[in-house]
N, C-alpha and C. Protein backbone atom coordinates (compact mmCIF):
# COMPACT_ATOMS: atom_id res chain seq x y z
N MET A 1 -33.17 18.72 -22.84
CA MET A 1 -31.95 17.97 -22.71
C MET A 1 -32.14 16.74 -21.84
N ALA A 2 -32.80 16.91 -20.72
CA ALA A 2 -33.05 15.74 -19.85
C ALA A 2 -33.99 14.75 -20.48
N ASP A 3 -34.82 15.23 -21.39
CA ASP A 3 -35.74 14.33 -22.07
C ASP A 3 -35.05 13.39 -23.04
N ASP A 4 -33.82 13.77 -23.46
CA ASP A 4 -33.05 12.92 -24.38
C ASP A 4 -32.42 11.73 -23.69
N TYR A 5 -32.35 11.73 -22.37
CA TYR A 5 -31.70 10.68 -21.63
C TYR A 5 -32.62 9.46 -21.52
N THR A 6 -32.06 8.31 -21.85
CA THR A 6 -32.75 7.03 -21.65
C THR A 6 -31.88 6.15 -20.75
N ARG A 7 -32.46 5.68 -19.68
CA ARG A 7 -31.69 4.89 -18.71
C ARG A 7 -31.09 3.67 -19.40
N GLY A 8 -29.77 3.46 -19.15
CA GLY A 8 -29.07 2.31 -19.69
C GLY A 8 -28.53 2.50 -21.12
N GLN A 9 -28.67 3.66 -21.69
CA GLN A 9 -28.22 3.86 -23.08
C GLN A 9 -26.94 4.68 -23.16
N MET A 10 -26.45 5.18 -22.03
CA MET A 10 -25.23 6.01 -22.05
C MET A 10 -23.98 5.13 -21.93
N ASP A 11 -22.96 5.46 -22.73
CA ASP A 11 -21.68 4.77 -22.66
C ASP A 11 -20.95 5.22 -21.42
N ILE A 12 -20.73 4.31 -20.47
CA ILE A 12 -20.09 4.69 -19.21
C ILE A 12 -18.69 4.02 -19.10
N SER A 13 -18.15 3.58 -20.19
CA SER A 13 -16.83 2.89 -20.11
C SER A 13 -15.73 3.77 -19.56
N GLU A 14 -15.71 5.04 -19.94
CA GLU A 14 -14.69 5.98 -19.41
C GLU A 14 -14.92 6.25 -17.94
N HIS A 15 -16.16 6.33 -17.51
CA HIS A 15 -16.50 6.54 -16.09
C HIS A 15 -16.03 5.35 -15.29
N LYS A 16 -16.26 4.16 -15.82
CA LYS A 16 -15.87 2.93 -15.10
C LYS A 16 -14.33 2.85 -14.97
N LYS A 17 -13.62 3.19 -16.04
CA LYS A 17 -12.16 3.19 -15.98
C LYS A 17 -11.62 4.18 -14.94
N THR A 18 -12.22 5.35 -14.88
CA THR A 18 -11.85 6.34 -13.88
C THR A 18 -12.13 5.87 -12.50
N PHE A 19 -13.30 5.31 -12.28
CA PHE A 19 -13.69 4.78 -10.95
C PHE A 19 -12.74 3.67 -10.53
N ASP A 20 -12.44 2.75 -11.43
CA ASP A 20 -11.52 1.65 -11.11
C ASP A 20 -10.14 2.16 -10.75
N ALA A 21 -9.68 3.18 -11.48
CA ALA A 21 -8.36 3.74 -11.23
C ALA A 21 -8.31 4.44 -9.83
N VAL A 22 -9.35 5.18 -9.53
CA VAL A 22 -9.41 5.86 -8.21
C VAL A 22 -9.46 4.83 -7.10
N MET A 23 -10.21 3.78 -7.27
CA MET A 23 -10.28 2.73 -6.24
C MET A 23 -8.95 2.06 -6.07
N TYR A 24 -8.23 1.75 -7.17
CA TYR A 24 -6.96 1.11 -7.11
C TYR A 24 -5.93 1.98 -6.37
N VAL A 25 -5.87 3.28 -6.72
CA VAL A 25 -4.92 4.16 -6.10
C VAL A 25 -5.28 4.34 -4.59
N SER A 26 -6.54 4.36 -4.28
CA SER A 26 -6.97 4.51 -2.87
C SER A 26 -6.54 3.29 -2.04
N VAL A 27 -6.77 2.14 -2.55
CA VAL A 27 -6.40 0.89 -1.83
C VAL A 27 -4.88 0.78 -1.74
N TYR A 28 -4.18 1.05 -2.86
CA TYR A 28 -2.72 0.97 -2.91
C TYR A 28 -2.09 1.90 -1.91
N SER A 29 -2.48 3.16 -1.96
CA SER A 29 -1.89 4.14 -1.05
C SER A 29 -2.31 3.91 0.38
N GLY A 30 -3.53 3.45 0.60
CA GLY A 30 -3.98 3.18 1.97
C GLY A 30 -3.18 2.03 2.58
N LEU A 31 -2.94 1.01 1.77
CA LEU A 31 -2.10 -0.12 2.30
C LEU A 31 -0.69 0.36 2.65
N LEU A 32 -0.06 1.10 1.77
CA LEU A 32 1.31 1.52 2.03
C LEU A 32 1.39 2.50 3.20
N ILE A 33 0.46 3.41 3.30
CA ILE A 33 0.46 4.34 4.43
C ILE A 33 0.20 3.58 5.75
N GLY A 34 -0.71 2.63 5.70
CA GLY A 34 -0.97 1.82 6.89
C GLY A 34 0.23 1.00 7.29
N LEU A 35 0.97 0.45 6.33
CA LEU A 35 2.17 -0.32 6.65
C LEU A 35 3.27 0.57 7.22
N ALA A 36 3.42 1.75 6.67
CA ALA A 36 4.41 2.68 7.20
C ALA A 36 4.09 3.07 8.65
N VAL A 37 2.82 3.34 8.92
CA VAL A 37 2.41 3.68 10.29
C VAL A 37 2.64 2.50 11.22
N LEU A 38 2.28 1.27 10.76
CA LEU A 38 2.47 0.09 11.59
C LEU A 38 3.96 -0.12 11.91
N TYR A 39 4.82 0.00 10.92
CA TYR A 39 6.27 -0.20 11.15
C TYR A 39 6.81 0.81 12.12
N LEU A 40 6.49 2.08 11.89
CA LEU A 40 6.98 3.12 12.78
C LEU A 40 6.43 2.97 14.21
N THR A 41 5.20 2.52 14.33
CA THR A 41 4.61 2.27 15.65
C THR A 41 5.30 1.13 16.34
N LEU A 42 5.59 0.05 15.63
CA LEU A 42 6.28 -1.08 16.26
C LEU A 42 7.67 -0.72 16.66
N VAL A 43 8.37 0.08 15.89
CA VAL A 43 9.77 0.40 16.21
C VAL A 43 9.84 1.44 17.32
N PHE A 44 9.10 2.53 17.21
CA PHE A 44 9.28 3.65 18.11
C PHE A 44 8.33 3.63 19.31
N ALA A 45 7.07 3.36 19.07
CA ALA A 45 6.11 3.43 20.20
C ALA A 45 6.15 2.16 21.06
N ALA A 46 6.29 1.00 20.39
CA ALA A 46 6.31 -0.26 21.15
C ALA A 46 7.70 -0.62 21.55
N GLY A 47 8.74 0.07 21.03
CA GLY A 47 10.10 -0.20 21.40
C GLY A 47 10.63 -1.53 20.90
N GLY A 48 10.10 -2.01 19.79
CA GLY A 48 10.50 -3.29 19.27
C GLY A 48 11.80 -3.19 18.46
N ASP A 49 12.37 -4.36 18.19
CA ASP A 49 13.53 -4.43 17.33
C ASP A 49 13.14 -4.10 15.92
N TRP A 50 14.02 -3.37 15.22
CA TRP A 50 13.66 -2.89 13.90
C TRP A 50 13.49 -4.04 12.91
N PHE A 51 14.33 -5.08 13.04
CA PHE A 51 14.24 -6.19 12.10
C PHE A 51 12.99 -7.02 12.30
N MET A 52 12.65 -7.29 13.53
CA MET A 52 11.44 -8.06 13.84
C MET A 52 10.18 -7.24 13.41
N SER A 53 10.24 -5.94 13.62
CA SER A 53 9.14 -5.08 13.18
C SER A 53 9.00 -5.11 11.68
N LEU A 54 10.11 -5.15 10.97
CA LEU A 54 10.11 -5.23 9.52
C LEU A 54 9.48 -6.53 9.05
N ILE A 55 9.82 -7.63 9.70
CA ILE A 55 9.30 -8.91 9.31
C ILE A 55 7.77 -8.94 9.53
N ILE A 56 7.34 -8.44 10.66
CA ILE A 56 5.90 -8.40 10.97
C ILE A 56 5.16 -7.54 9.92
N THR A 57 5.72 -6.39 9.64
CA THR A 57 5.10 -5.47 8.67
C THR A 57 5.11 -6.10 7.27
N ALA A 58 6.16 -6.79 6.90
CA ALA A 58 6.22 -7.43 5.57
C ALA A 58 5.19 -8.53 5.44
N VAL A 59 5.00 -9.30 6.51
CA VAL A 59 4.03 -10.38 6.47
C VAL A 59 2.62 -9.80 6.35
N ILE A 60 2.33 -8.75 7.12
CA ILE A 60 1.01 -8.13 7.02
C ILE A 60 0.82 -7.44 5.69
N GLY A 61 1.88 -6.84 5.19
CA GLY A 61 1.79 -6.22 3.84
C GLY A 61 1.57 -7.25 2.77
N GLY A 62 2.22 -8.40 2.88
CA GLY A 62 2.04 -9.47 1.90
C GLY A 62 0.60 -10.02 1.94
N LEU A 63 0.08 -10.20 3.13
CA LEU A 63 -1.30 -10.67 3.28
C LEU A 63 -2.28 -9.63 2.71
N GLY A 64 -2.04 -8.34 3.04
CA GLY A 64 -2.87 -7.30 2.55
C GLY A 64 -2.86 -7.19 1.04
N GLY A 65 -1.69 -7.33 0.44
CA GLY A 65 -1.58 -7.30 -1.02
C GLY A 65 -2.22 -8.47 -1.69
N PHE A 66 -2.10 -9.65 -1.02
CA PHE A 66 -2.69 -10.88 -1.58
C PHE A 66 -4.21 -10.80 -1.56
N PHE A 67 -4.78 -10.37 -0.42
CA PHE A 67 -6.23 -10.35 -0.30
C PHE A 67 -6.89 -9.23 -1.10
N THR A 68 -6.15 -8.15 -1.36
CA THR A 68 -6.73 -7.08 -2.18
C THR A 68 -6.30 -7.20 -3.65
N LYS A 69 -5.62 -8.26 -3.97
CA LYS A 69 -5.21 -8.58 -5.36
C LYS A 69 -4.47 -7.44 -6.01
N GLN A 70 -3.40 -7.00 -5.33
CA GLN A 70 -2.59 -5.90 -5.85
C GLN A 70 -1.68 -6.40 -6.96
N GLY A 71 -1.26 -5.49 -7.79
CA GLY A 71 -0.42 -5.83 -8.94
C GLY A 71 1.06 -5.71 -8.68
N VAL A 72 1.82 -5.70 -9.73
CA VAL A 72 3.28 -5.67 -9.65
C VAL A 72 3.80 -4.41 -9.01
N LEU A 73 3.12 -3.29 -9.24
CA LEU A 73 3.54 -2.01 -8.65
C LEU A 73 3.56 -2.08 -7.13
N TYR A 74 2.55 -2.68 -6.55
CA TYR A 74 2.47 -2.82 -5.08
C TYR A 74 3.61 -3.66 -4.55
N TRP A 75 3.83 -4.83 -5.17
CA TRP A 75 4.87 -5.75 -4.71
C TRP A 75 6.26 -5.13 -4.87
N THR A 76 6.48 -4.38 -5.95
CA THR A 76 7.75 -3.70 -6.14
C THR A 76 7.94 -2.61 -5.08
N SER A 77 6.90 -1.87 -4.81
CA SER A 77 6.96 -0.81 -3.79
C SER A 77 7.25 -1.40 -2.42
N LEU A 78 6.59 -2.54 -2.13
CA LEU A 78 6.81 -3.20 -0.83
C LEU A 78 8.26 -3.68 -0.73
N ALA A 79 8.83 -4.24 -1.79
CA ALA A 79 10.21 -4.68 -1.73
C ALA A 79 11.19 -3.51 -1.60
N VAL A 80 10.95 -2.44 -2.35
CA VAL A 80 11.84 -1.29 -2.29
C VAL A 80 11.79 -0.66 -0.87
N LEU A 81 10.61 -0.54 -0.31
CA LEU A 81 10.50 -0.01 1.06
C LEU A 81 11.19 -0.93 2.08
N ALA A 82 11.12 -2.23 1.88
CA ALA A 82 11.80 -3.17 2.80
C ALA A 82 13.32 -3.03 2.68
N VAL A 83 13.83 -2.83 1.47
CA VAL A 83 15.27 -2.65 1.26
C VAL A 83 15.71 -1.36 1.93
N ILE A 84 14.93 -0.28 1.78
CA ILE A 84 15.27 0.99 2.42
C ILE A 84 15.25 0.85 3.92
N ALA A 85 14.29 0.10 4.49
CA ALA A 85 14.24 -0.10 5.91
C ALA A 85 15.44 -0.91 6.42
N VAL A 86 15.87 -1.92 5.66
CA VAL A 86 17.05 -2.69 6.04
C VAL A 86 18.31 -1.81 6.01
N ILE A 87 18.48 -1.02 4.98
CA ILE A 87 19.63 -0.15 4.88
C ILE A 87 19.66 0.83 6.05
N ALA A 88 18.50 1.46 6.29
CA ALA A 88 18.40 2.41 7.41
C ALA A 88 18.67 1.74 8.74
N GLY A 89 18.11 0.54 8.93
CA GLY A 89 18.34 -0.17 10.20
C GLY A 89 19.79 -0.53 10.41
N VAL A 90 20.44 -1.00 9.35
CA VAL A 90 21.86 -1.36 9.48
C VAL A 90 22.70 -0.11 9.76
N LEU A 91 22.41 1.00 9.05
CA LEU A 91 23.16 2.23 9.31
C LEU A 91 22.98 2.73 10.74
N VAL A 92 21.78 2.68 11.25
CA VAL A 92 21.54 3.12 12.59
C VAL A 92 22.22 2.19 13.60
N SER A 93 22.20 0.88 13.34
CA SER A 93 22.87 -0.03 14.22
C SER A 93 24.39 0.15 14.22
N VAL A 94 24.96 0.42 13.09
CA VAL A 94 26.41 0.60 12.99
C VAL A 94 26.85 1.96 13.57
N LEU A 95 26.11 2.99 13.23
CA LEU A 95 26.51 4.33 13.64
C LEU A 95 26.01 4.71 15.04
N GLY A 96 24.99 4.01 15.51
CA GLY A 96 24.36 4.42 16.77
C GLY A 96 24.81 3.69 17.90
């Protein structure tokens, strides 16, 4: 069986697609988890204002997405998370 193998003759297109998908999901999730940790650290550990922390996190998230060439899913996720943070911040400010 191993004698049948010739280097460079195997179709690896499916392997490449899988590898590319795993790398995309890893970078995507790593960026979003890192941004969530950054935002929570700025708000709670550093005692910063929630809105200024959101702006800092959004700028860093934008730069991270730009330099890693993220697609529409990343930018949509970033926008949805920013809207959720604004709603939560306003609710906490009004109720707290």
